[in-house]
Every structure is written in C-alpha cells, then in structure tokens.
Amino acid sequence: MATAFDIVSVDGLNEAGLAGHILWLAESEYGEVNQDRPKLSQAIWLQYFLDNFATVAEAVSWIEATNVQVVQMDDPTGGVPLALHLALEDAKGDSCIIEYVAGKPVVYHSAEYRVMTNSPTYDQQLALVKSISGLGGTQPIPGSTKASDRFARASYYVSRLPQPKTEVQAVASMMSVMRNAAQPFRIPDPEAPEASQTLWQVVVDLTNQRYVFESTTRPNIVWVNIKDLNLAVGAEQMKLNLVEDLTIENGIASDVSNEFKNV
C-alpha cells in the first residue's frame, strides 16, 4: 500500500490480486454526511476494498448493496478539501472506476475501462475520447497536459500495445504509456491550482503479485513481491520510506521486498 502524507491510502495491491489507485477528481460531490448510511473516510477508502475483497465484482456488489458514503477530509498540506476517484482491477481482468456525484457512488464497471486520469467525470471522458482518430473519431491525438488530452493519449496507446511475451515487456509497455500521459514538472497553473505534476507511476503484475513503483524524483524503479511479505494475521506492520530514506535517493533499485522496516 502506498500512502500520501502517511495518512491517505492512495495505491496498493492485496494478496488476492485486487489492486486500486486513487487520483484527483475536482468534480467529486460527496454530499452532506448522512448518519443513516455506512461511511468511509477518504483516508481509508481504498484500504477498505483491499482489506475486504478479492475481486472487482465483490467490491461493486458491496457498493451497490450499501450505498456507502465517502466522507471528505481536509488536505493535510492546508489546501482545498480532497476530491478523489478510484480505480480497481483484479487478476481476472475485471476493472471499474468509482466516482461520487451528487453524494452518490457512480460505478463504471467493465474490463474495457482501462484508463483513468482526472477531470472531467468518467462519463464525459468516455464521450470526449470518441472524437479521437483511432478511437471512433477524426481528431488528431491531443498533446496538451489537460487531463482529458492525457486520457485520450493513454486510451489510444493502450489500445495499440502488442501482446507482451515476458513480464519485463509488459512492465516496459505500461510504463511507456504512462510516461506519455504523465503530468510533467511545471510552474503551477493559476486556472487549475489543484493540479499536480505526476509524483509516481505504478505497474502491478496481478498474476505474479508484483508491485512495481517508479518515483519521478528517484532515479530507479523498485518493486515488491507480495508473496515475500508476511501478511499473516497479527504480523507486524512494515514500512518502506521512499521520501526521506537517503539510501533510496542514492540509487537503491530492483527488489525491495526485504527493505521494509517495523513501523
């Protein structure tokens, strides 16, 4: 599990092969807190799914049965309250995108939903991308850093990836698409103060349970083999600091499954 500010679970993989990823969505509307609905803090929204479900279908069924409410929290850095959407995928090839509109969960559930960026909401992203050549339309592939343009580029290139013959090819292929759709380091845009450069990129091997992590501020890729971790009930919590640990900054690479320390 990757966390932001040691508070918010933002990315991760469980031992059953369910993975999840959180990104910013400014249009999120969580509504007033309703005491009659089950609630999850944004801090543990993703964590709850990875702790309790093995497949996307299980997670979607639970959302539909409970109408769970996500409770918005303040930005730990003092900025605007967090506005997020969530992608889930599993080892069976299933996937979904979860957003909150008018206080209700909206779930886009299909193995075809393989790309998520930021604004606008997912239904609008799907409509916009149909205008792009190769995806149903005639417009050229856009090149700006707008989330909708990055969505279009990622959708286009994902649809044209060759079938990989090895895990290395699979990881390299996905990294090539994400780097093309990443938000580069830049001066903040006054018209989009919530926008951020891409801070990390992750490729998850759901079959072999390998979690590959690339920080945009570190020179090397690292990965964790989930099967090498002690995930037994009652096992000690372990952490790998990818922000302050100077050994990471100086170039640690490859398998870091044994680099975790007790919390």
C-alpha atoms as a PDB file:
ATOM      1  CA  MET A   1       0.000   0.000   0.000  1.00  0.00           C
ATOM      2  CA  ALA A   2       1.345   3.428  -0.965  1.00  0.00           C
ATOM      3  CA  THR A   3       0.280   6.346   1.216  1.00  0.00           C
ATOM      4  CA  ALA A   4       0.289  10.130   0.914  1.00  0.00           C
ATOM      5  CA  PHE A   5       1.365  12.118   3.984  1.00  0.00           C
ATOM      6  CA  ASP A   6       1.282   8.821   5.932  1.00  0.00           C
ATOM      7  CA  ILE A   7      -2.477   9.366   6.160  1.00  0.00           C
ATOM      8  CA  VAL A   8      -4.265   8.614   2.888  1.00  0.00           C
ATOM      9  CA  SER A   9      -4.010   5.213   1.191  1.00  0.00           C
ATOM     10  CA  VAL A  10      -3.627   6.072  -2.500  1.00  0.00           C
ATOM     11  CA  ASP A  11      -2.385   2.938  -4.272  1.00  0.00           C
ATOM     12  CA  GLY A  12      -1.961  -0.734  -3.496  1.00  0.00           C
ATOM     13  CA  LEU A  13      -2.323  -4.456  -4.123  1.00  0.00           C
ATOM     14  CA  ASN A  14      -3.623  -7.247  -1.901  1.00  0.00           C
ATOM     15  CA  GLU A  15      -2.667 -10.922  -1.777  1.00  0.00           C
ATOM     16  CA  ALA A  16      -5.792 -11.936  -3.733  1.00  0.00           C
ATOM     17  CA  GLY A  17      -4.739  -9.919  -6.783  1.00  0.00           C
ATOM     18  CA  LEU A  18      -7.030  -6.900  -6.333  1.00  0.00           C
ATOM     19  CA  ALA A  19      -5.315  -3.563  -6.969  1.00  0.00           C
ATOM     20  CA  GLY A  20      -6.511   0.008  -6.567  1.00  0.00           C
ATOM     21  CA  HIS A  21      -5.432   3.517  -7.456  1.00  0.00           C
ATOM     22  CA  ILE A  22      -6.681   6.935  -6.341  1.00  0.00           C
ATOM     23  CA  LEU A  23      -6.419  10.134  -8.377  1.00  0.00           C
ATOM     24  CA  TRP A  24      -7.764  13.674  -8.060  1.00  0.00           C
ATOM     25  CA  LEU A  25     -11.214  14.483  -9.466  1.00  0.00           C
ATOM     26  CA  ALA A  26     -12.220  18.091  -8.827  1.00  0.00           C
ATOM     27  CA  GLU A  27     -15.864  17.419  -9.771  1.00  0.00           C
ATOM     28  CA  SER A  28     -16.397  14.960  -6.898  1.00  0.00           C
ATOM     29  CA  GLU A  29     -19.510  15.687  -4.817  1.00  0.00           C
ATOM     30  CA  TYR A  30     -19.783  13.756  -1.555  1.00  0.00           C
ATOM     31  CA  GLY A  31     -22.885  15.437  -0.125  1.00  0.00           C
ATOM     32  CA  GLU A  32     -23.794  16.161   3.463  1.00  0.00           C
ATOM     33  CA  VAL A  33     -22.896  13.454   5.956  1.00  0.00           C
ATOM     34  CA  ASN A  34     -25.866  11.110   6.338  1.00  0.00           C
ATOM     35  CA  GLN A  35     -25.853   9.241   9.638  1.00  0.00           C
ATOM     36  CA  ASP A  36     -28.111   6.533   8.188  1.00  0.00           C
ATOM     37  CA  ARG A  37     -25.549   5.455   5.573  1.00  0.00           C
ATOM     38  CA  PRO A  38     -22.352   3.465   6.201  1.00  0.00           C
ATOM     39  CA  LYS A  39     -19.361   5.756   5.855  1.00  0.00           C
ATOM     40  CA  LEU A  40     -15.704   5.564   4.882  1.00  0.00           C
ATOM     41  CA  SER A  41     -13.145   8.299   5.336  1.00  0.00           C
ATOM     42  CA  GLN A  42     -11.220   9.207   2.196  1.00  0.00           C
ATOM     43  CA  ALA A  43      -8.108   8.189   4.136  1.00  0.00           C
ATOM     44  CA  ILE A  44      -9.155   4.507   4.139  1.00  0.00           C
ATOM     45  CA  TRP A  45     -11.457   4.384   1.107  1.00  0.00           C
ATOM     46  CA  LEU A  46      -9.044   2.332  -0.995  1.00  0.00           C
ATOM     47  CA  GLN A  47      -7.685   0.471   2.034  1.00  0.00           C
ATOM     48  CA  TYR A  48     -11.141  -0.880   2.859  1.00  0.00           C
ATOM     49  CA  PHE A  49     -11.544  -2.504  -0.547  1.00  0.00           C
ATOM     50  CA  LEU A  50      -8.111  -4.120  -0.448  1.00  0.00           C
ATOM     51  CA  ASP A  51      -8.683  -5.362   3.107  1.00  0.00           C
ATOM     52  CA  ASN A  52     -12.071  -6.907   2.396  1.00  0.00           C
ATOM     53  CA  PHE A  53     -12.430  -8.001  -1.232  1.00  0.00           C
ATOM     54  CA  ALA A  54     -10.667 -10.307  -3.682  1.00  0.00           C
ATOM     55  CA  THR A  55     -12.316  -9.159  -6.912  1.00  0.00           C
ATOM     56  CA  VAL A  56     -13.788  -6.085  -8.547  1.00  0.00           C
ATOM     57  CA  ALA A  57     -17.187  -7.787  -8.709  1.00  0.00           C
ATOM     58  CA  GLU A  58     -17.217  -8.274  -4.930  1.00  0.00           C
ATOM     59  CA  ALA A  59     -16.352  -4.616  -4.361  1.00  0.00           C
ATOM     60  CA  VAL A  60     -19.001  -3.379  -6.793  1.00  0.00           C
ATOM     61  CA  SER A  61     -21.670  -5.615  -5.237  1.00  0.00           C
ATOM     62  CA  TRP A  62     -20.848  -4.217  -1.802  1.00  0.00           C
ATOM     63  CA  ILE A  63     -21.107  -0.623  -3.035  1.00  0.00           C
ATOM     64  CA  GLU A  64     -24.480  -1.333  -4.641  1.00  0.00           C
ATOM     65  CA  ALA A  65     -25.777  -3.091  -1.525  1.00  0.00           C
ATOM     66  CA  THR A  66     -24.657  -0.464   0.989  1.00  0.00           C
ATOM     67  CA  ASN A  67     -24.718   2.855  -0.908  1.00  0.00           C
ATOM     68  CA  VAL A  68     -21.622   3.668   1.157  1.00  0.00           C
ATOM     69  CA  GLN A  69     -20.838   7.340   1.688  1.00  0.00           C
ATOM     70  CA  VAL A  70     -17.271   8.624   1.428  1.00  0.00           C
ATOM     71  CA  VAL A  71     -16.545  11.384   3.942  1.00  0.00           C
ATOM     72  CA  GLN A  72     -14.389  14.183   2.609  1.00  0.00           C
ATOM     73  CA  MET A  73     -11.301  15.240   4.551  1.00  0.00           C
ATOM     74  CA  ASP A  74      -9.121  18.335   4.515  1.00  0.00           C
ATOM     75  CA  ASP A  75      -5.890  18.402   2.540  1.00  0.00           C
ATOM     76  CA  PRO A  76      -3.093  17.679   5.062  1.00  0.00           C
ATOM     77  CA  THR A  77      -0.996  20.397   3.379  1.00  0.00           C
ATOM     78  CA  GLY A  78      -3.644  23.027   4.079  1.00  0.00           C
ATOM     79  CA  GLY A  79      -5.097  23.205   0.586  1.00  0.00           C
ATOM     80  CA  VAL A  80      -8.614  22.555  -0.630  1.00  0.00           C
ATOM     81  CA  PRO A  81     -10.532  19.505   0.681  1.00  0.00           C
ATOM     82  CA  LEU A  82      -9.644  16.273  -1.090  1.00  0.00           C
ATOM     83  CA  ALA A  83     -11.663  15.357  -4.189  1.00  0.00           C
ATOM     84  CA  LEU A  84     -10.880  11.854  -5.439  1.00  0.00           C
ATOM     85  CA  HIS A  85     -11.943   8.992  -7.667  1.00  0.00           C
ATOM     86  CA  LEU A  86     -10.849   5.370  -7.503  1.00  0.00           C
ATOM     87  CA  ALA A  87      -9.909   2.662  -9.996  1.00  0.00           C
ATOM     88  CA  LEU A  88      -9.927  -1.054  -9.137  1.00  0.00           C
ATOM     89  CA  GLU A  89      -8.759  -4.045 -11.172  1.00  0.00           C
ATOM     90  CA  ASP A  90      -8.247  -7.728 -10.427  1.00  0.00           C
ATOM     91  CA  ALA A  91      -6.374 -10.813 -11.589  1.00  0.00           C
ATOM     92  CA  LYS A  92      -9.410 -11.960 -13.607  1.00  0.00           C
ATOM     93  CA  GLY A  93      -9.066  -8.932 -15.881  1.00  0.00           C
ATOM     94  CA  ASP A  94     -12.056  -7.066 -14.472  1.00  0.00           C
ATOM     95  CA  SER A  95     -11.944  -3.355 -13.644  1.00  0.00           C
ATOM     96  CA  CYS A  96     -14.067  -0.427 -12.509  1.00  0.00           C
ATOM     97  CA  ILE A  97     -13.945   3.312 -11.885  1.00  0.00           C
ATOM     98  CA  ILE A  98     -15.751   4.722  -8.821  1.00  0.00           C
ATOM     99  CA  GLU A  99     -16.749   8.384  -8.574  1.00  0.00           C
ATOM    100  CA  TYR A 100     -19.064  10.385  -6.326  1.00  0.00           C
ATOM    101  CA  VAL A 101     -21.647  12.634  -7.988  1.00  0.00           C
ATOM    102  CA  ALA A 102     -24.412  14.428  -6.075  1.00  0.00           C
ATOM    103  CA  GLY A 103     -23.424  12.487  -2.963  1.00  0.00           C
ATOM    104  CA  LYS A 104     -23.927   9.058  -4.549  1.00  0.00           C
ATOM    105  CA  PRO A 105     -21.414   6.479  -5.796  1.00  0.00           C
ATOM    106  CA  VAL A 106     -21.320   6.131  -9.578  1.00  0.00           C
ATOM    107  CA  VAL A 107     -19.598   2.932 -10.717  1.00  0.00           C
ATOM    108  CA  TYR A 108     -18.319   2.305 -14.245  1.00  0.00           C
ATOM    109  CA  HIS A 109     -17.806  -1.456 -14.292  1.00  0.00           C
ATOM    110  CA  SER A 110     -16.212  -3.121 -17.307  1.00  0.00           C
ATOM    111  CA  ALA A 111     -12.939  -4.733 -18.300  1.00  0.00           C
ATOM    112  CA  GLU A 112     -12.892  -2.142 -21.104  1.00  0.00           C
ATOM    113  CA  TYR A 113     -12.338   0.707 -18.629  1.00  0.00           C
ATOM    114  CA  ARG A 114      -8.550   0.623 -18.505  1.00  0.00           C
ATOM    115  CA  VAL A 115      -7.638   4.328 -18.354  1.00  0.00           C
ATOM    116  CA  MET A 116      -8.264   6.993 -15.709  1.00  0.00           C
ATOM    117  CA  THR A 117      -6.758  10.477 -15.384  1.00  0.00           C
ATOM    118  CA  ASN A 118      -8.506  13.418 -13.719  1.00  0.00           C
ATOM    119  CA  SER A 119     -11.248  15.837 -14.827  1.00  0.00           C
ATOM    120  CA  PRO A 120     -13.908  15.670 -16.129  1.00  0.00           C
ATOM    121  CA  THR A 121     -16.109  12.891 -14.747  1.00  0.00           C
ATOM    122  CA  TYR A 122     -15.702   9.485 -16.359  1.00  0.00           C
ATOM    123  CA  ASP A 123     -18.858   9.595 -18.464  1.00  0.00           C
ATOM    124  CA  GLN A 124     -17.620  12.807 -20.065  1.00  0.00           C
ATOM    125  CA  GLN A 125     -14.145  11.359 -20.598  1.00  0.00           C
ATOM    126  CA  LEU A 126     -15.648   8.405 -22.451  1.00  0.00           C
ATOM    127  CA  ALA A 127     -17.690  10.755 -24.638  1.00  0.00           C
ATOM    128  CA  LEU A 128     -14.774  13.077 -25.412  1.00  0.00           C
ATOM    129  CA  VAL A 129     -12.397  10.297 -26.411  1.00  0.00           C
ATOM    130  CA  LYS A 130     -14.764   9.119 -29.155  1.00  0.00           C
ATOM    131  CA  SER A 131     -13.760  12.156 -31.230  1.00  0.00           C
ATOM    132  CA  ILE A 132     -10.138  10.972 -31.489  1.00  0.00           C
ATOM    133  CA  SER A 133      -8.857   9.260 -34.619  1.00  0.00           C
ATOM    134  CA  GLY A 134      -8.390   5.579 -33.935  1.00  0.00           C
ATOM    135  CA  LEU A 135     -10.925   5.679 -31.098  1.00  0.00           C
ATOM    136  CA  GLY A 136     -14.009   6.399 -33.185  1.00  0.00           C
ATOM    137  CA  GLY A 137     -13.453   9.923 -34.453  1.00  0.00           C
ATOM    138  CA  THR A 138     -11.339  12.020 -36.793  1.00  0.00           C
ATOM    139  CA  GLN A 139      -9.494  14.433 -34.492  1.00  0.00           C
ATOM    140  CA  PRO A 140      -5.720  14.020 -34.077  1.00  0.00           C
ATOM    141  CA  ILE A 141      -4.312  12.763 -30.794  1.00  0.00           C
ATOM    142  CA  PRO A 142      -4.109  15.822 -28.492  1.00  0.00           C
ATOM    143  CA  GLY A 143      -0.779  16.780 -26.959  1.00  0.00           C
ATOM    144  CA  SER A 144      -1.555  19.131 -24.068  1.00  0.00           C
ATOM    145  CA  THR A 145      -1.301  18.366 -20.348  1.00  0.00           C
ATOM    146  CA  LYS A 146      -5.075  18.669 -19.839  1.00  0.00           C
ATOM    147  CA  ALA A 147      -6.439  15.583 -18.124  1.00  0.00           C
ATOM    148  CA  SER A 148      -8.853  14.895 -20.985  1.00  0.00           C
ATOM    149  CA  ASP A 149      -5.987  15.047 -23.503  1.00  0.00           C
ATOM    150  CA  ARG A 150      -3.843  12.745 -21.376  1.00  0.00           C
ATOM    151  CA  PHE A 151      -6.828  10.384 -21.130  1.00  0.00           C
ATOM    152  CA  ALA A 152      -7.079  10.365 -24.922  1.00  0.00           C
ATOM    153  CA  ARG A 153      -3.379   9.657 -25.396  1.00  0.00           C
ATOM    154  CA  ALA A 154      -3.365   6.852 -22.839  1.00  0.00           C
ATOM    155  CA  SER A 155      -6.513   5.319 -24.344  1.00  0.00           C
ATOM    156  CA  TYR A 156      -5.026   5.438 -27.832  1.00  0.00           C
ATOM    157  CA  TYR A 157      -1.671   3.918 -26.932  1.00  0.00           C
ATOM    158  CA  VAL A 158      -3.078   1.259 -24.587  1.00  0.00           C
ATOM    159  CA  SER A 159      -5.319   0.060 -27.405  1.00  0.00           C
ATOM    160  CA  ARG A 160      -2.237  -0.441 -29.582  1.00  0.00           C
ATOM    161  CA  LEU A 161       0.106  -2.225 -27.224  1.00  0.00           C
ATOM    162  CA  PRO A 162       1.449  -5.531 -28.560  1.00  0.00           C
ATOM    163  CA  GLN A 163       0.801  -8.658 -26.517  1.00  0.00           C
ATOM    164  CA  PRO A 164       3.865  -8.965 -24.252  1.00  0.00           C
ATOM    165  CA  LYS A 165       5.846 -12.190 -24.259  1.00  0.00           C
ATOM    166  CA  THR A 166       7.511 -11.570 -20.882  1.00  0.00           C
ATOM    167  CA  GLU A 167       6.818  -9.722 -17.656  1.00  0.00           C
ATOM    168  CA  VAL A 168       9.615  -7.275 -18.487  1.00  0.00           C
ATOM    169  CA  GLN A 169       7.933  -6.427 -21.778  1.00  0.00           C
ATOM    170  CA  ALA A 170       4.599  -5.955 -20.020  1.00  0.00           C
ATOM    171  CA  VAL A 171       6.056  -3.564 -17.436  1.00  0.00           C
ATOM    172  CA  ALA A 172       8.003  -1.629 -20.074  1.00  0.00           C
ATOM    173  CA  SER A 173       4.913  -1.318 -22.271  1.00  0.00           C
ATOM    174  CA  MET A 174       2.767   0.088 -19.485  1.00  0.00           C
ATOM    175  CA  MET A 175       5.492   2.466 -18.333  1.00  0.00           C
ATOM    176  CA  SER A 176       5.823   3.791 -21.890  1.00  0.00           C
ATOM    177  CA  VAL A 177       2.124   4.682 -21.989  1.00  0.00           C
ATOM    178  CA  MET A 178       2.073   6.240 -18.520  1.00  0.00           C
ATOM    179  CA  ARG A 179       5.134   8.366 -19.214  1.00  0.00           C
ATOM    180  CA  ASN A 180       3.442   9.667 -22.343  1.00  0.00           C
ATOM    181  CA  ALA A 181       0.344  10.610 -20.337  1.00  0.00           C
ATOM    182  CA  ALA A 182       2.166  11.899 -17.233  1.00  0.00           C
ATOM    183  CA  GLN A 183       1.927  15.477 -15.996  1.00  0.00           C
ATOM    184  CA  PRO A 184       5.452  16.962 -16.193  1.00  0.00           C
ATOM    185  CA  PHE A 185       7.031  19.176 -13.557  1.00  0.00           C
ATOM    186  CA  ARG A 186       5.952  22.737 -14.255  1.00  0.00           C
ATOM    187  CA  ILE A 187       5.036  26.106 -12.781  1.00  0.00           C
ATOM    188  CA  PRO A 188       1.577  25.859 -11.128  1.00  0.00           C
ATOM    189  CA  ASP A 189      -1.328  26.885 -13.356  1.00  0.00           C
ATOM    190  CA  PRO A 190      -3.425  29.648 -11.691  1.00  0.00           C
ATOM    191  CA  GLU A 191      -6.502  28.318 -13.515  1.00  0.00           C
ATOM    192  CA  ALA A 192      -6.020  24.823 -12.047  1.00  0.00           C
ATOM    193  CA  PRO A 193      -4.497  25.258  -8.573  1.00  0.00           C
ATOM    194  CA  GLU A 194      -5.344  21.672  -7.585  1.00  0.00           C
ATOM    195  CA  ALA A 195      -3.355  20.224 -10.497  1.00  0.00           C
ATOM    196  CA  SER A 196      -0.084  18.492  -9.679  1.00  0.00           C
ATOM    197  CA  GLN A 197       2.784  17.001 -11.596  1.00  0.00           C
ATOM    198  CA  THR A 198       2.927  13.215 -11.690  1.00  0.00           C
ATOM    199  CA  LEU A 199       4.664  12.069  -8.490  1.00  0.00           C
ATOM    200  CA  TRP A 200       4.828   8.314  -9.059  1.00  0.00           C
ATOM    201  CA  GLN A 201       3.921   5.605 -11.553  1.00  0.00           C
ATOM    202  CA  VAL A 202       2.985   2.034 -10.708  1.00  0.00           C
ATOM    203  CA  VAL A 203       2.691  -1.173 -12.713  1.00  0.00           C
ATOM    204  CA  VAL A 204       1.017  -4.097 -10.957  1.00  0.00           C
ATOM    205  CA  ASP A 205       1.530  -7.683 -12.088  1.00  0.00           C
ATOM    206  CA  LEU A 206      -1.750  -9.107 -10.827  1.00  0.00           C
ATOM    207  CA  THR A 207      -0.844 -12.657 -11.844  1.00  0.00           C
ATOM    208  CA  ASN A 208       2.535 -12.865 -10.128  1.00  0.00           C
ATOM    209  CA  GLN A 209       1.630 -10.377  -7.379  1.00  0.00           C
ATOM    210  CA  ARG A 210       4.474  -7.985  -8.053  1.00  0.00           C
ATOM    211  CA  TYR A 211       4.114  -4.260  -7.353  1.00  0.00           C
ATOM    212  CA  VAL A 212       6.452  -2.077  -9.444  1.00  0.00           C
ATOM    213  CA  PHE A 213       6.942   1.524  -8.282  1.00  0.00           C
ATOM    214  CA  GLU A 214       8.656   4.425 -10.020  1.00  0.00           C
ATOM    215  CA  SER A 215       9.034   7.788  -8.263  1.00  0.00           C
ATOM    216  CA  THR A 216       9.511  10.798 -10.509  1.00  0.00           C
ATOM    217  CA  THR A 217      12.080  12.141  -8.029  1.00  0.00           C
ATOM    218  CA  ARG A 218      14.207   8.983  -7.839  1.00  0.00           C
ATOM    219  CA  PRO A 219      16.499   7.504 -10.490  1.00  0.00           C
ATOM    220  CA  ASN A 220      15.493   3.854 -10.295  1.00  0.00           C
ATOM    221  CA  ILE A 221      12.493   1.551 -10.374  1.00  0.00           C
ATOM    222  CA  VAL A 222      11.809  -0.606  -7.317  1.00  0.00           C
ATOM    223  CA  TRP A 223       9.409  -3.485  -6.829  1.00  0.00           C
ATOM    224  CA  VAL A 224       7.872  -5.605  -4.106  1.00  0.00           C
ATOM    225  CA  ASN A 225       6.953  -9.279  -4.371  1.00  0.00           C
ATOM    226  CA  ILE A 226       3.799  -9.618  -2.307  1.00  0.00           C
ATOM    227  CA  LYS A 227       4.476 -13.327  -1.743  1.00  0.00           C
ATOM    228  CA  ASP A 228       7.714 -12.420   0.058  1.00  0.00           C
ATOM    229  CA  LEU A 229       5.904 -10.333   2.682  1.00  0.00           C
ATOM    230  CA  ASN A 230       4.466 -11.631   5.940  1.00  0.00           C
ATOM    231  CA  LEU A 231       0.761 -10.871   5.622  1.00  0.00           C
ATOM    232  CA  ALA A 232      -0.398 -13.270   8.334  1.00  0.00           C
ATOM    233  CA  VAL A 233      -2.960 -12.097  10.865  1.00  0.00           C
ATOM    234  CA  GLY A 234      -1.113 -10.387  13.707  1.00  0.00           C
ATOM    235  CA  ALA A 235       2.081  -9.818  11.706  1.00  0.00           C
ATOM    236  CA  GLU A 236       3.976  -6.610  12.416  1.00  0.00           C
ATOM    237  CA  GLN A 237       3.263  -3.592  10.254  1.00  0.00           C
ATOM    238  CA  MET A 238       6.160  -2.785   7.935  1.00  0.00           C
ATOM    239  CA  LYS A 239       7.051   0.376   6.036  1.00  0.00           C
ATOM    240  CA  LEU A 240       9.475   1.445   3.314  1.00  0.00           C
ATOM    241  CA  ASN A 241      10.112   5.202   3.254  1.00  0.00           C
ATOM    242  CA  LEU A 242      10.513   6.364  -0.339  1.00  0.00           C
ATOM    243  CA  VAL A 243      10.617  10.050   0.597  1.00  0.00           C
ATOM    244  CA  GLU A 244      13.173  10.574   3.337  1.00  0.00           C
ATOM    245  CA  ASP A 245      15.340   7.441   3.120  1.00  0.00           C
ATOM    246  CA  LEU A 246      18.636   8.569   1.587  1.00  0.00           C
ATOM    247  CA  THR A 247      19.548   5.039   0.525  1.00  0.00           C
ATOM    248  CA  ILE A 248      16.613   5.235  -1.857  1.00  0.00           C
ATOM    249  CA  GLU A 249      17.734   8.618  -3.135  1.00  0.00           C
ATOM    250  CA  ASN A 250      21.260   7.343  -3.753  1.00  0.00           C
ATOM    251  CA  GLY A 251      20.095   4.669  -6.099  1.00  0.00           C
ATOM    252  CA  ILE A 252      18.588   1.568  -4.476  1.00  0.00           C
ATOM    253  CA  ALA A 253      16.846  -0.393  -7.202  1.00  0.00           C
ATOM    254  CA  SER A 254      15.084  -3.615  -8.125  1.00  0.00           C
ATOM    255  CA  ASP A 255      13.577  -5.891  -5.445  1.00  0.00           C
ATOM    256  CA  VAL A 256      12.992  -4.066  -2.139  1.00  0.00           C
ATOM    257  CA  SER A 257      10.788  -6.724  -0.537  1.00  0.00           C
ATOM    258  CA  ASN A 258      13.338  -7.128   2.273  1.00  0.00           C
ATOM    259  CA  GLU A 259      13.907  -3.393   2.798  1.00  0.00           C
ATOM    260  CA  PHE A 260      10.757  -2.806   4.840  1.00  0.00           C
ATOM    261  CA  LYS A 261      11.176  -1.795   8.499  1.00  0.00           C
ATOM    262  CA  ASN A 262       8.894  -2.181  11.505  1.00  0.00           C
ATOM    263  CA  VAL A 263       6.565   0.782  11.957  1.00  0.00           C
END
